[in-house]
Amino acid sequence: MNLDELEGRIRESVDLINVRLTGRVRPEHRLGYHNFISCVFEGVIAEGVDLSGCDFKDTLVVDSQFADCKINAATHTASVYTRSAFKDCNFHNAAVTDCEYTDVQFISCDLDNVLIKNSRFYECKFARCATSTHVFENNLFTKCNFQDTEVEIRTLVSNFGLKATSMSGTRIRDNRVSEPHRYLVAAELLSVASTIRNDPLATLAMRYFIDGDLLGANDNLDAAFSLGSWATMARQPTSFAQLVELFAEFLVTAYEHDEVDIHKLLLVHDVTRRIVYDFSLDARTHRFAVSFGGIHLALSRIVEEYLATLWGLYRNGSGPLRVIAEGPPSLPYHEEALAEFLEWSGMRIAAVQPYNSVLLTLVEQVADAKLVATALILASMVRFQLKAVHNASHPFRVPTEALPDSSTSVAVAQPAEPFEFFEISAGLTEDARRAYEFRVKSLIPTTSIIVDLRLTVSTSFMRKLRNAIVSVAKET
């Protein structure tokens, strides 16, 4: 209905349910302190309107403009805002939870004492906005810009997807405005952030803010992908599940933009696998398995691409493994840089030859060394690199026949041994080398024989290879 049709039909503090609104809002409509539940604002124009105390729940706001409006003490829950703008609006004491904003602009808005949690922002803009606290907590930002808008450092460590390159004219405070504070320079960010919120995801968020990607190689960054680190953050099941859901979406988005390597996604996939298949969960904590199931499936798609590419290279490759790497044409240089990997894998560098930059030829010394080296190199890649390798070795198909004899074992099941008729699993093993294992276990019909097929590779050396490896080429 057009907003003019509401005039004289509503009283103060009423619920508007399943109402579709369009047109221009005027003061005489008296929309303040109403609750909008499952409503649609489409093409609404509001100028100088008081929407204080309004609750927006499950509401869609699309192609709408709000200018010089008071949205004080308002609550926004599970609502979606698309192609809309807020200009010169006051959000004092507002609370936003589980909302989604796509192509929304906040221009010269007062975000004083506002708290926005567990929400998603896609291609949004904040320009010349005033903040007195950290405003944002546990949100996901994708391709968002901040212009001439002060932020508190807690904003950087308690959200995912913020980048220094997406902020212009923005100063970073070390505290809220109402308390003693100062403005930080770039060199101070990481150290100050660690004292404010000392957890692995905060370190990861700050590292992403500074570097613009997650391709770095350091122990603090890898700790963010450890189940032990995650356990310390699981203080409340529902909020923890929401936090990890946003984190997983952030990682998948970063992977789509070539900002994170496969190795880190393998680690997260293993964490979600353990939670989903943890049969010790009671009825109260079973929500973990339910919440993490979708995350696990989303990551499994990427893991399957990795395994398919790995299998194709292993099956179709012949001759020595040729690796294109950056560095001087010096054999001792590369032997020193990859010393730990060469010693562990049993491989050696046979030759260093010019190939645009430098070509390393790793010659296999043991039967499975080539598979191990290939797995390591692929796990250090980002999406476009993995896709290039995949396409270069076409066709790639998940094998339908049995794996080579060396990877196949047949055993007679003992009567007391518990087993499933069919089982497929993927994840990190518990041994010291932290191998990544893909396993298919099946009982042959009408027999008591179990066929156990395994493909096991280690990704322990990804941090050392990430900065050295550029791409892998198949010997022709």
Protein backbone atom coordinates (compact mmCIF):
# COMPACT_ATOMS: atom_id res chain seq x y z
CA MET A 1 0.00 0.00 0.00
CA ASN A 2 1.04 3.58 -0.47
CA LEU A 3 2.07 5.31 2.74
CA ASP A 4 -0.77 7.83 2.35
CA GLU A 5 -3.21 4.98 2.88
CA LEU A 6 -1.87 4.56 6.42
CA GLU A 7 -2.81 8.10 7.46
CA GLY A 8 -5.34 8.01 10.26
CA ARG A 9 -5.42 4.20 10.29
CA ILE A 10 -2.69 3.45 12.84
CA ARG A 11 -2.27 4.37 16.47
CA GLU A 12 0.86 4.80 18.50
CA SER A 13 3.06 1.76 19.15
CA VAL A 14 1.36 -0.81 16.95
CA ASP A 15 2.67 -3.74 14.94
CA LEU A 16 2.57 -3.58 11.17
CA ILE A 17 2.77 -7.15 9.88
CA ASN A 18 3.19 -8.26 6.26
CA VAL A 19 2.63 -4.75 4.93
CA ARG A 20 4.24 -3.57 1.69
CA LEU A 21 4.98 0.15 1.81
CA THR A 22 5.97 2.53 -0.97
CA GLY A 23 5.93 6.27 -1.58
CA ARG A 24 7.06 9.29 0.42
CA VAL A 25 6.93 9.36 4.23
CA ARG A 26 5.63 12.55 5.85
CA PRO A 27 5.55 13.57 9.53
CA GLU A 28 1.77 13.18 9.68
CA HIS A 29 2.15 9.46 9.03
CA ARG A 30 3.50 9.17 12.59
CA LEU A 31 5.57 6.04 12.02
CA GLY A 32 7.64 6.43 15.17
CA TYR A 33 7.63 3.68 17.79
CA HIS A 34 5.91 1.14 15.54
CA ASN A 35 7.10 -2.40 14.93
CA PHE A 36 7.57 -3.48 11.32
CA ILE A 37 7.41 -7.28 11.13
CA SER A 38 7.86 -9.10 7.80
CA CYS A 39 7.22 -5.84 5.95
CA VAL A 40 8.61 -4.56 2.65
CA PHE A 41 9.83 -0.99 2.09
CA GLU A 42 10.14 -0.59 -1.68
CA GLY A 43 10.95 2.76 -3.23
CA VAL A 44 10.26 4.54 0.06
CA ILE A 45 11.53 8.12 0.42
CA ALA A 46 11.81 9.41 3.98
CA GLU A 47 13.09 12.92 4.73
CA GLY A 48 13.14 14.41 8.23
CA VAL A 49 11.10 11.54 9.63
CA ASP A 50 11.27 10.37 13.24
CA LEU A 51 11.59 6.57 13.33
CA SER A 52 12.82 6.48 16.91
CA GLY A 53 12.07 3.33 18.85
CA CYS A 54 10.90 1.39 15.80
CA ASP A 55 11.62 -2.31 15.57
CA PHE A 56 12.40 -3.78 12.15
CA LYS A 57 12.21 -7.59 12.09
CA ASP A 58 12.36 -9.86 9.01
CA THR A 59 11.83 -6.74 6.92
CA LEU A 60 13.08 -6.03 3.40
CA VAL A 61 14.16 -2.49 2.49
CA VAL A 62 14.94 -2.07 -1.20
CA ASP A 63 15.54 0.95 -3.44
CA SER A 64 14.73 3.32 -0.57
CA GLN A 65 16.20 6.63 0.60
CA PHE A 66 16.37 7.95 4.17
CA ALA A 67 17.61 11.50 4.74
CA ASP A 68 17.86 13.50 7.98
CA CYS A 69 15.91 10.82 9.84
CA LYS A 70 16.03 9.93 13.53
CA ILE A 71 16.43 6.18 13.91
CA ASN A 72 17.36 6.41 17.59
CA ALA A 73 16.98 3.41 19.91
CA ALA A 74 15.70 1.34 16.99
CA THR A 75 16.18 -2.41 16.70
CA HIS A 76 16.94 -4.10 13.40
CA THR A 77 16.78 -7.91 13.45
CA ALA A 78 17.12 -10.39 10.57
CA SER A 79 16.30 -7.68 8.02
CA VAL A 80 17.70 -7.15 4.52
CA TYR A 81 18.66 -3.79 2.98
CA THR A 82 19.43 -3.55 -0.73
CA ARG A 83 20.31 -0.61 -3.03
CA SER A 84 19.36 1.95 -0.39
CA ALA A 85 20.95 4.96 1.30
CA PHE A 86 20.96 6.66 4.70
CA LYS A 87 22.13 10.28 4.65
CA ASP A 88 22.47 12.58 7.68
CA CYS A 89 20.60 10.02 9.80
CA ASN A 90 20.99 9.60 13.55
CA PHE A 91 21.28 5.99 14.80
CA HIS A 92 21.99 6.85 18.45
CA ASN A 93 21.60 3.77 20.69
CA ALA A 94 20.39 1.59 17.81
CA ALA A 95 20.98 -2.19 17.79
CA VAL A 96 21.41 -4.29 14.65
CA THR A 97 21.60 -8.10 14.69
CA ASP A 98 21.68 -10.75 11.94
CA CYS A 99 20.99 -8.29 9.13
CA GLU A 100 22.29 -8.12 5.58
CA TYR A 101 23.25 -4.99 3.64
CA THR A 102 24.00 -5.02 -0.09
CA ASP A 103 24.95 -1.85 -1.98
CA VAL A 104 23.87 0.39 0.91
CA GLN A 105 25.40 3.79 1.63
CA PHE A 106 25.73 5.51 5.00
CA ILE A 107 26.62 9.14 4.34
CA SER A 108 27.30 11.63 7.18
CA CYS A 109 25.41 9.47 9.66
CA ASP A 110 25.76 9.57 13.44
CA LEU A 111 26.59 6.04 14.64
CA ASP A 112 26.95 7.09 18.25
CA ASN A 113 26.73 4.21 20.74
CA VAL A 114 25.47 1.82 18.05
CA LEU A 115 26.11 -1.93 18.13
CA ILE A 116 25.92 -3.97 14.92
CA LYS A 117 26.48 -7.72 15.37
CA ASN A 118 26.49 -10.91 13.29
CA SER A 119 25.57 -9.07 10.09
CA ARG A 120 26.87 -9.05 6.53
CA PHE A 121 27.87 -6.04 4.43
CA TYR A 122 28.42 -6.45 0.68
CA GLU A 123 29.72 -3.54 -1.42
CA CYS A 124 28.61 -0.94 1.11
CA LYS A 125 30.01 2.52 1.79
CA PHE A 126 30.49 4.52 4.99
CA ALA A 127 31.46 8.15 4.38
CA ARG A 128 31.95 10.96 6.90
CA CYS A 129 30.17 9.00 9.64
CA ALA A 130 30.69 9.73 13.34
CA THR A 131 31.50 6.90 15.77
CA SER A 132 32.08 6.94 19.53
CA THR A 133 32.58 3.20 20.13
CA HIS A 134 33.68 0.22 18.03
CA VAL A 135 30.13 -0.06 16.52
CA PHE A 136 30.77 -3.35 14.65
CA GLU A 137 31.28 -6.77 16.22
CA ASN A 138 31.40 -10.21 14.56
CA ASN A 139 30.37 -8.97 11.12
CA LEU A 140 31.48 -9.85 7.60
CA PHE A 141 32.55 -7.10 5.18
CA THR A 142 33.02 -7.80 1.48
CA LYS A 143 34.22 -5.02 -0.84
CA CYS A 144 33.20 -2.25 1.57
CA ASN A 145 34.72 1.24 1.74
CA PHE A 146 35.22 3.61 4.65
CA GLN A 147 35.89 7.26 3.85
CA ASP A 148 36.69 9.94 6.44
CA THR A 149 35.13 7.75 9.15
CA GLU A 150 36.96 7.14 12.43
CA VAL A 151 37.10 3.53 13.65
CA GLU A 152 38.20 1.98 16.90
CA ILE A 153 40.85 -0.72 16.73
CA ARG A 154 38.35 -3.19 18.22
CA THR A 155 36.44 -2.80 14.97
CA LEU A 156 39.41 -4.21 13.07
CA VAL A 157 39.99 -7.24 15.31
CA SER A 158 36.36 -8.26 15.93
CA ASN A 159 35.15 -8.37 12.30
CA PHE A 160 36.15 -10.15 9.11
CA GLY A 161 37.00 -8.66 5.72
CA LEU A 162 38.10 -5.12 6.54
CA LYS A 163 41.13 -3.89 4.57
CA ALA A 164 43.44 -0.94 5.03
CA THR A 165 43.34 -0.36 1.27
CA SER A 166 39.55 0.12 1.48
CA MET A 167 39.86 2.97 3.97
CA SER A 168 40.71 6.53 3.01
CA GLY A 169 41.01 9.52 5.33
CA THR A 170 40.24 7.16 8.22
CA ARG A 171 41.86 7.49 11.63
CA ILE A 172 42.09 4.53 14.02
CA ARG A 173 41.57 5.10 17.76
CA ASP A 174 42.86 2.80 20.47
CA ASN A 175 39.79 3.37 22.67
CA ARG A 176 36.27 4.76 22.69
CA VAL A 177 35.77 8.52 22.51
CA SER A 178 34.42 8.81 26.07
CA GLU A 179 37.69 7.46 27.48
CA PRO A 180 41.30 8.62 27.08
CA HIS A 181 42.43 7.62 23.61
CA ARG A 182 44.99 8.33 20.94
CA TYR A 183 45.30 7.69 17.22
CA LEU A 184 47.51 4.83 16.02
CA VAL A 185 49.99 4.67 13.17
CA ALA A 186 50.22 1.63 10.91
CA ALA A 187 53.29 0.19 12.65
CA GLU A 188 51.42 0.02 15.98
CA LEU A 189 48.29 -1.79 14.82
CA LEU A 190 49.31 -5.41 15.24
CA SER A 191 50.96 -5.05 18.65
CA VAL A 192 48.15 -2.91 20.10
CA ALA A 193 45.49 -5.25 18.72
CA SER A 194 47.06 -8.27 20.43
CA THR A 195 46.83 -6.59 23.83
CA ILE A 196 43.18 -5.67 23.34
CA ARG A 197 41.87 -9.01 22.16
CA ASN A 198 44.36 -11.84 22.35
CA ASP A 199 42.73 -14.63 20.35
CA PRO A 200 43.73 -16.29 17.06
CA LEU A 201 40.82 -14.94 14.99
CA ALA A 202 41.63 -11.39 16.10
CA THR A 203 45.21 -11.87 14.92
CA LEU A 204 43.94 -13.24 11.62
CA ALA A 205 41.51 -10.33 11.14
CA MET A 206 44.26 -7.79 11.81
CA ARG A 207 46.71 -9.59 9.56
CA TYR A 208 44.13 -9.53 6.75
CA PHE A 209 43.49 -5.83 7.38
CA ILE A 210 47.19 -5.01 7.06
CA ASP A 211 48.21 -7.41 4.26
CA GLY A 212 44.95 -7.61 2.30
CA ASP A 213 45.20 -11.42 2.14
CA LEU A 214 45.91 -14.53 4.23
CA LEU A 215 48.92 -15.81 2.29
CA GLY A 216 51.38 -15.07 5.06
CA ALA A 217 53.48 -17.76 6.72
CA ASN A 218 53.79 -17.44 10.48
CA ASP A 219 52.81 -19.46 13.51
CA ASN A 220 50.35 -16.89 14.85
CA LEU A 221 48.39 -16.95 11.62
CA ASP A 222 48.30 -20.76 11.48
CA ALA A 223 47.01 -20.85 15.06
CA ALA A 224 43.73 -19.35 13.85
CA PHE A 225 43.03 -22.63 12.07
CA SER A 226 43.64 -24.87 15.09
CA LEU A 227 40.77 -26.65 16.81
CA GLY A 228 42.50 -26.08 20.15
CA SER A 229 42.44 -22.34 19.56
CA TRP A 230 38.79 -22.44 18.56
CA ALA A 231 37.83 -24.31 21.72
CA THR A 232 38.91 -21.35 23.84
CA MET A 233 36.38 -19.15 22.04
CA ALA A 234 33.37 -21.49 22.42
CA ARG A 235 31.92 -19.77 25.45
CA GLN A 236 28.33 -19.82 24.26
CA PRO A 237 27.12 -22.35 21.63
CA THR A 238 24.85 -20.10 19.58
CA SER A 239 27.20 -17.11 19.30
CA PHE A 240 30.16 -19.41 18.65
CA ALA A 241 28.32 -21.12 15.78
CA GLN A 242 27.46 -17.71 14.29
CA LEU A 243 31.07 -16.57 14.63
CA VAL A 244 32.43 -19.63 12.84
CA GLU A 245 29.76 -19.40 10.13
CA LEU A 246 30.88 -15.85 9.34
CA PHE A 247 34.52 -16.91 9.53
CA ALA A 248 33.93 -19.77 7.06
CA GLU A 249 32.06 -17.49 4.65
CA PHE A 250 34.92 -15.01 4.92
CA LEU A 251 37.46 -17.73 4.05
CA VAL A 252 35.44 -19.02 1.09
CA THR A 253 35.07 -15.45 -0.20
CA ALA A 254 38.81 -14.88 0.27
CA TYR A 255 39.47 -18.10 -1.64
CA GLU A 256 37.26 -16.93 -4.52
CA HIS A 257 39.40 -13.77 -4.68
CA ASP A 258 42.71 -15.70 -4.45
CA GLU A 259 43.49 -14.31 -1.00
CA VAL A 260 43.97 -17.58 0.89
CA ASP A 261 45.81 -20.79 0.02
CA ILE A 262 44.34 -24.29 -0.05
CA HIS A 263 46.33 -25.43 2.99
CA LYS A 264 44.40 -23.18 5.39
CA LEU A 265 41.05 -24.34 4.02
CA LEU A 266 42.13 -27.94 4.53
CA LEU A 267 42.78 -27.11 8.17
CA VAL A 268 39.36 -25.50 8.65
CA HIS A 269 37.68 -28.37 6.80
CA ASP A 270 39.26 -30.74 9.28
CA VAL A 271 37.98 -28.69 12.24
CA THR A 272 34.41 -28.72 10.91
CA ARG A 273 34.69 -32.45 10.17
CA ARG A 274 35.59 -33.20 13.76
CA ILE A 275 32.68 -31.15 15.08
CA VAL A 276 30.13 -32.57 12.63
CA TYR A 277 31.16 -36.17 13.32
CA ASP A 278 31.74 -35.81 17.04
CA PHE A 279 29.42 -38.51 18.37
CA SER A 280 30.09 -37.49 21.96
CA LEU A 281 27.92 -34.39 21.60
CA ASP A 282 24.90 -34.35 23.89
CA ALA A 283 21.48 -33.00 23.03
CA ARG A 284 22.40 -29.49 24.16
CA THR A 285 25.58 -29.22 22.12
CA HIS A 286 24.17 -31.11 19.13
CA ARG A 287 23.43 -27.69 17.65
CA PHE A 288 27.14 -27.50 16.83
CA ALA A 289 26.88 -30.41 14.42
CA VAL A 290 23.74 -28.94 12.82
CA SER A 291 25.24 -25.45 12.45
CA PHE A 292 28.57 -26.69 11.15
CA GLY A 293 27.08 -29.15 8.64
CA GLY A 294 26.52 -26.49 5.98
CA ILE A 295 29.95 -24.98 6.58
CA HIS A 296 31.55 -28.40 6.20
CA LEU A 297 29.76 -29.03 2.89
CA ALA A 298 30.80 -25.63 1.51
CA LEU A 299 34.44 -26.33 2.34
CA SER A 300 34.17 -29.88 1.00
CA ARG A 301 33.57 -28.51 -2.48
CA ILE A 302 36.95 -26.80 -2.39
CA VAL A 303 38.64 -29.85 -0.86
CA GLU A 304 37.20 -32.07 -3.62
CA GLU A 305 38.66 -29.75 -6.26
CA TYR A 306 42.03 -30.04 -4.58
CA LEU A 307 41.87 -33.85 -4.37
CA ALA A 308 40.67 -34.19 -7.97
CA THR A 309 43.56 -32.05 -9.22
CA LEU A 310 46.02 -33.95 -7.06
CA TRP A 311 44.78 -37.30 -8.32
CA GLY A 312 44.91 -36.15 -11.94
CA LEU A 313 48.51 -34.95 -11.64
CA TYR A 314 49.56 -38.12 -9.86
CA ARG A 315 47.82 -40.39 -12.33
CA ASN A 316 48.68 -38.60 -15.57
CA GLY A 317 52.08 -37.16 -14.72
CA SER A 318 55.27 -38.71 -16.02
CA GLY A 319 58.93 -37.90 -15.75
CA PRO A 320 60.46 -35.62 -13.13
CA LEU A 321 58.39 -33.01 -11.34
CA ARG A 322 59.10 -29.53 -12.71
CA VAL A 323 58.47 -26.62 -10.36
CA ILE A 324 58.57 -22.98 -11.44
CA ALA A 325 59.81 -20.85 -8.54
CA GLU A 326 61.10 -17.35 -7.94
CA GLY A 327 64.71 -16.82 -6.93
CA PRO A 328 68.26 -16.57 -8.20
CA PRO A 329 69.61 -19.26 -10.58
CA SER A 330 71.57 -20.82 -7.73
CA LEU A 331 71.26 -24.45 -6.67
CA PRO A 332 72.59 -23.83 -3.10
CA TYR A 333 70.05 -21.03 -2.60
CA HIS A 334 67.06 -23.28 -3.30
CA GLU A 335 68.54 -26.24 -1.45
CA GLU A 336 68.82 -24.07 1.65
CA ALA A 337 65.36 -22.55 1.24
CA LEU A 338 63.72 -25.97 0.90
CA ALA A 339 66.12 -27.95 3.10
CA GLU A 340 63.51 -29.17 5.56
CA PHE A 341 61.13 -30.21 2.81
CA LEU A 342 63.83 -32.03 0.82
CA GLU A 343 65.05 -33.91 3.87
CA TRP A 344 61.56 -34.95 4.91
CA SER A 345 60.33 -35.97 1.46
CA GLY A 346 63.45 -37.83 0.37
CA MET A 347 63.67 -35.70 -2.78
CA ARG A 348 66.47 -33.61 -4.18
CA ILE A 349 66.80 -30.75 -6.64
CA ALA A 350 68.33 -32.23 -9.79
CA ALA A 351 68.80 -28.98 -11.69
CA VAL A 352 68.12 -25.26 -11.62
CA GLN A 353 67.45 -23.95 -15.11
CA PRO A 354 66.14 -20.63 -16.43
CA TYR A 355 62.43 -20.69 -17.23
CA ASN A 356 61.24 -17.08 -17.24
CA SER A 357 62.31 -16.97 -13.60
CA VAL A 358 63.83 -20.19 -12.23
CA LEU A 359 62.95 -23.79 -12.91
CA LEU A 360 63.56 -26.35 -10.20
CA THR A 361 63.44 -30.01 -11.16
CA LEU A 362 62.66 -32.18 -8.16
CA VAL A 363 63.63 -35.80 -8.84
CA GLU A 364 61.84 -38.42 -6.81
CA GLN A 365 64.03 -40.56 -4.58
CA VAL A 366 61.36 -42.79 -3.09
CA ALA A 367 58.21 -44.34 -4.54
CA ASP A 368 55.66 -41.87 -3.10
CA ALA A 369 57.83 -38.76 -3.03
CA LYS A 370 56.30 -37.34 -6.19
CA LEU A 371 52.78 -37.65 -4.78
CA VAL A 372 53.86 -35.98 -1.54
CA ALA A 373 55.63 -33.12 -3.31
CA THR A 374 52.69 -32.56 -5.66
CA ALA A 375 50.25 -32.48 -2.75
CA LEU A 376 52.39 -29.93 -0.94
CA ILE A 377 52.71 -27.68 -3.95
CA LEU A 378 49.00 -27.80 -4.77
CA ALA A 379 48.07 -27.05 -1.16
CA SER A 380 50.17 -23.88 -1.30
CA MET A 381 48.15 -22.53 -4.22
CA VAL A 382 45.21 -20.16 -4.44
CA ARG A 383 42.10 -20.68 -6.52
CA PHE A 384 43.24 -19.40 -9.91
CA GLN A 385 46.51 -21.35 -9.66
CA LEU A 386 44.72 -24.59 -8.79
CA LYS A 387 42.29 -24.02 -11.65
CA ALA A 388 45.16 -23.44 -14.08
CA VAL A 389 46.81 -26.70 -13.06
CA HIS A 390 43.46 -28.48 -13.27
CA ASN A 391 42.73 -27.23 -16.79
CA ALA A 392 46.27 -27.88 -18.01
CA SER A 393 45.96 -31.58 -17.19
CA HIS A 394 42.50 -32.17 -18.64
CA PRO A 395 40.61 -34.42 -18.23
CA PHE A 396 40.27 -34.75 -14.48
CA ARG A 397 37.85 -37.29 -13.09
CA VAL A 398 37.43 -38.79 -9.68
CA PRO A 399 38.76 -42.35 -10.15
CA THR A 400 36.12 -45.04 -10.46
CA GLU A 401 38.54 -47.93 -10.53
CA ALA A 402 40.62 -49.10 -7.60
CA LEU A 403 43.67 -47.15 -6.59
CA PRO A 404 47.10 -48.63 -7.37
CA ASP A 405 48.01 -51.74 -5.43
CA SER A 406 50.42 -49.82 -3.23
CA SER A 407 47.48 -47.75 -1.93
CA THR A 408 45.07 -50.66 -1.47
CA SER A 409 44.86 -52.98 1.50
CA VAL A 410 42.54 -55.93 2.01
CA ALA A 411 41.88 -57.38 5.43
CA VAL A 412 39.45 -59.83 7.01
CA ALA A 413 37.19 -58.18 9.55
CA GLN A 414 37.35 -59.61 13.03
CA PRO A 415 33.94 -60.49 14.55
CA ALA A 416 34.35 -57.98 17.37
CA GLU A 417 35.63 -55.17 15.17
CA PRO A 418 33.01 -52.44 14.70
CA PHE A 419 32.70 -51.11 11.16
CA GLU A 420 30.26 -49.45 8.80
CA PHE A 421 29.13 -50.98 5.51
CA PHE A 422 30.31 -47.89 3.67
CA GLU A 423 32.34 -44.97 4.94
CA ILE A 424 34.02 -42.02 3.23
CA SER A 425 36.07 -39.47 5.14
CA ALA A 426 38.64 -36.75 4.63
CA GLY A 427 40.69 -34.84 7.15
CA LEU A 428 43.94 -34.53 9.03
CA THR A 429 45.42 -37.57 10.74
CA GLU A 430 46.69 -37.44 14.29
CA ASP A 431 50.27 -38.46 13.57
CA ALA A 432 53.23 -36.17 14.07
CA ARG A 433 53.43 -35.21 10.40
CA ARG A 434 49.77 -34.09 10.25
CA ALA A 435 48.99 -35.89 7.01
CA TYR A 436 45.78 -35.10 5.12
CA GLU A 437 43.93 -38.32 4.37
CA PHE A 438 41.15 -39.18 1.94
CA ARG A 439 39.68 -42.58 2.81
CA VAL A 440 36.99 -44.85 1.38
CA LYS A 441 36.05 -47.93 3.39
CA SER A 442 33.60 -50.49 2.07
CA LEU A 443 32.37 -54.01 2.88
CA ILE A 444 32.28 -56.28 -0.18
CA PRO A 445 28.73 -57.70 -0.48
CA THR A 446 28.19 -61.32 0.64
CA THR A 447 31.68 -61.45 2.15
CA SER A 448 33.41 -60.38 5.33
CA ILE A 449 36.20 -58.59 3.47
CA ILE A 450 36.73 -54.87 3.93
CA VAL A 451 38.38 -52.89 1.19
CA ASP A 452 40.15 -49.87 2.65
CA LEU A 453 41.37 -47.34 0.07
CA ARG A 454 43.49 -44.44 1.32
CA LEU A 455 45.20 -41.45 -0.22
CA THR A 456 47.37 -39.79 2.41
CA VAL A 457 49.47 -36.68 1.90
CA SER A 458 51.09 -34.25 4.30
CA THR A 459 50.65 -30.49 4.15
CA SER A 460 52.99 -29.69 7.02
CA PHE A 461 55.41 -27.67 4.92
CA MET A 462 52.95 -25.24 3.34
CA ARG A 463 54.23 -22.23 5.23
CA LYS A 464 57.72 -22.73 3.81
CA LEU A 465 56.55 -23.36 0.25
CA ARG A 466 53.91 -20.63 -0.02
CA ASN A 467 56.37 -17.85 -0.71
CA ALA A 468 58.66 -19.94 -2.89
CA ILE A 469 56.38 -21.80 -5.27
CA VAL A 470 54.74 -19.96 -8.14
CA SER A 471 53.30 -22.82 -10.21
CA VAL A 472 53.83 -26.43 -11.16
CA ALA A 473 54.27 -27.66 -14.74
CA LYS A 474 53.91 -31.21 -16.03
CA GLU A 475 56.95 -32.66 -17.81
CA THR A 476 56.34 -32.87 -21.55
